[in-house]
C-alpha atoms as a PDB file:
ATOM      1  CA  MET A   1      -7.399  -6.012 -14.820  1.00  0.00           C
ATOM      2  CA  PRO A   2      -6.804  -7.636 -18.159  1.00  0.00           C
ATOM      3  CA  SER A   3      -9.508 -10.074 -19.232  1.00  0.00           C
ATOM      4  CA  ASP A   4      -6.895 -12.733 -19.982  1.00  0.00           C
ATOM      5  CA  LEU A   5      -5.595 -12.712 -16.416  1.00  0.00           C
ATOM      6  CA  ASP A   6      -5.164 -16.144 -14.876  1.00  0.00           C
ATOM      7  CA  TYR A   7      -7.207 -15.564 -11.721  1.00  0.00           C
ATOM      8  CA  ALA A   8      -5.998 -18.751 -10.041  1.00  0.00           C
ATOM      9  CA  ALA A   9      -2.363 -17.725 -10.523  1.00  0.00           C
ATOM     10  CA  PHE A  10      -3.152 -14.171  -9.418  1.00  0.00           C
ATOM     11  CA  SER A  11      -4.903 -15.495  -6.318  1.00  0.00           C
ATOM     12  CA  ARG A  12      -1.858 -17.614  -5.437  1.00  0.00           C
ATOM     13  CA  ILE A  13       0.460 -14.619  -5.834  1.00  0.00           C
ATOM     14  CA  VAL A  14      -1.738 -12.473  -3.582  1.00  0.00           C
ATOM     15  CA  HIS A  15      -2.058 -15.245  -0.992  1.00  0.00           C
ATOM     16  CA  ASP A  16       1.684 -15.943  -0.973  1.00  0.00           C
ATOM     17  CA  THR A  17       2.514 -12.247  -0.723  1.00  0.00           C
ATOM     18  CA  LEU A  18       0.106 -11.686   2.158  1.00  0.00           C
ATOM     19  CA  ARG A  19       1.459 -14.729   3.980  1.00  0.00           C
ATOM     20  CA  HIS A  20       5.031 -13.467   3.514  1.00  0.00           C
ATOM     21  CA  GLU A  21       4.156  -9.896   4.589  1.00  0.00           C
ATOM     22  CA  ARG A  22       1.735 -10.900   7.364  1.00  0.00           C
ATOM     23  CA  ASP A  23       3.758  -9.823  10.375  1.00  0.00           C
ATOM     24  CA  GLU A  24       4.744  -6.473   8.842  1.00  0.00           C
ATOM     25  CA  LEU A  25       1.168  -5.751   7.772  1.00  0.00           C
ATOM     26  CA  ILE A  26      -0.151  -6.587  11.225  1.00  0.00           C
ATOM     27  CA  GLY A  27       2.508  -4.305  12.718  1.00  0.00           C
ATOM     28  CA  LEU A  28       1.519  -1.504  10.353  1.00  0.00           C
ATOM     29  CA  ALA A  29      -2.164  -1.941  11.169  1.00  0.00           C
ATOM     30  CA  GLN A  30      -1.411  -1.929  14.896  1.00  0.00           C
ATOM     31  CA  ALA A  31       0.701   1.232  14.577  1.00  0.00           C
ATOM     32  CA  LEU A  32      -2.154   2.974  12.741  1.00  0.00           C
ATOM     33  CA  TYR A  33      -4.634   1.815  15.382  1.00  0.00           C
ATOM     34  CA  ASP A  34      -2.403   2.921  18.245  1.00  0.00           C
ATOM     35  CA  ASP A  35      -1.874   6.422  16.803  1.00  0.00           C
ATOM     36  CA  PRO A  36      -5.290   7.707  15.673  1.00  0.00           C
ATOM     37  CA  GLU A  37      -5.567  10.954  13.733  1.00  0.00           C
ATOM     38  CA  LEU A  38      -8.465  13.179  12.776  1.00  0.00           C
ATOM     39  CA  SER A  39     -10.053  12.884   9.346  1.00  0.00           C
ATOM     40  CA  MET A  40      -8.097  14.724   6.649  1.00  0.00           C
ATOM     41  CA  GLU A  41      -5.201  15.141   9.114  1.00  0.00           C
ATOM     42  CA  GLU A  42      -3.729  11.644   8.822  1.00  0.00           C
ATOM     43  CA  HIS A  43      -0.159  12.832   8.314  1.00  0.00           C
ATOM     44  CA  ARG A  44       1.590  10.171  10.409  1.00  0.00           C
ATOM     45  CA  SER A  45      -0.645   7.398   9.053  1.00  0.00           C
ATOM     46  CA  SER A  46      -0.092   8.469   5.466  1.00  0.00           C
ATOM     47  CA  ARG A  47       3.672   8.607   6.004  1.00  0.00           C
ATOM     48  CA  ARG A  48       3.686   5.151   7.624  1.00  0.00           C
ATOM     49  CA  VAL A  49       1.807   3.567   4.722  1.00  0.00           C
ATOM     50  CA  ALA A  50       3.890   5.418   2.099  1.00  0.00           C
ATOM     51  CA  ASP A  51       7.129   4.375   3.845  1.00  0.00           C
ATOM     52  CA  TYR A  52       5.977   0.746   3.988  1.00  0.00           C
ATOM     53  CA  LEU A  53       5.153   0.730   0.279  1.00  0.00           C
ATOM     54  CA  ALA A  54       8.453   2.417  -0.585  1.00  0.00           C
ATOM     55  CA  SER A  55      10.320  -0.162   1.500  1.00  0.00           C
ATOM     56  CA  LYS A  56       8.753  -2.830  -0.723  1.00  0.00           C
ATOM     57  CA  GLY A  57      10.121  -1.173  -3.844  1.00  0.00           C
ATOM     58  CA  LEU A  58       7.116   0.835  -4.974  1.00  0.00           C
ATOM     59  CA  ASP A  59       7.616   4.342  -6.328  1.00  0.00           C
ATOM     60  CA  VAL A  60       5.648   6.583  -3.959  1.00  0.00           C
ATOM     61  CA  ARG A  61       4.890  10.185  -4.866  1.00  0.00           C
ATOM     62  CA  GLY A  62       2.592  12.856  -3.561  1.00  0.00           C
ATOM     63  CA  VAL A  63      -0.366  14.024  -5.603  1.00  0.00           C
ATOM     64  CA  VAL A  64      -2.595  17.091  -5.765  1.00  0.00           C
ATOM     65  CA  ASP A  65      -2.520  19.697  -3.044  1.00  0.00           C
ATOM     66  CA  MET A  66      -3.334  17.232  -0.294  1.00  0.00           C
ATOM     67  CA  PRO A  67      -0.300  16.403   1.851  1.00  0.00           C
ATOM     68  CA  THR A  68      -1.713  13.029   2.922  1.00  0.00           C
ATOM     69  CA  ALA A  69      -2.451  11.818  -0.624  1.00  0.00           C
ATOM     70  CA  PHE A  70      -0.015   9.708  -2.608  1.00  0.00           C
ATOM     71  CA  VAL A  71       0.222   7.308  -5.529  1.00  0.00           C
ATOM     72  CA  ALA A  72       2.316   4.145  -5.339  1.00  0.00           C
ATOM     73  CA  THR A  73       3.397   2.369  -8.523  1.00  0.00           C
ATOM     74  CA  ALA A  74       5.339  -0.783  -9.251  1.00  0.00           C
ATOM     75  CA  GLY A  75       6.572  -1.401 -12.752  1.00  0.00           C
ATOM     76  CA  THR A  76       5.128   0.331 -15.764  1.00  0.00           C
ATOM     77  CA  ASP A  77       2.008  -1.715 -16.467  1.00  0.00           C
ATOM     78  CA  GLY A  78      -1.041  -2.138 -14.291  1.00  0.00           C
ATOM     79  CA  PRO A  79      -3.024  -0.285 -11.666  1.00  0.00           C
ATOM     80  CA  GLU A  80      -1.945   2.660  -9.568  1.00  0.00           C
ATOM     81  CA  ILE A  81      -2.907   2.543  -5.916  1.00  0.00           C
END
């Protein structure tokens, strides 16, 4: 993160976003919990998370030769998740 970042403002944005997305995030977490998959075989889980991020406007694309791996980006500046 940039050193000139206003951490108080950033904290408010994160808090407000989590509060707004709370029910959907809890639903996503419950769906992942209810449908366990073996390590390195998390195809449904990966798709659920990627679909959620895409529904929020992030650009989601697969990476490497691992079908469960993806990168999600928003905008053109900042971290990739």
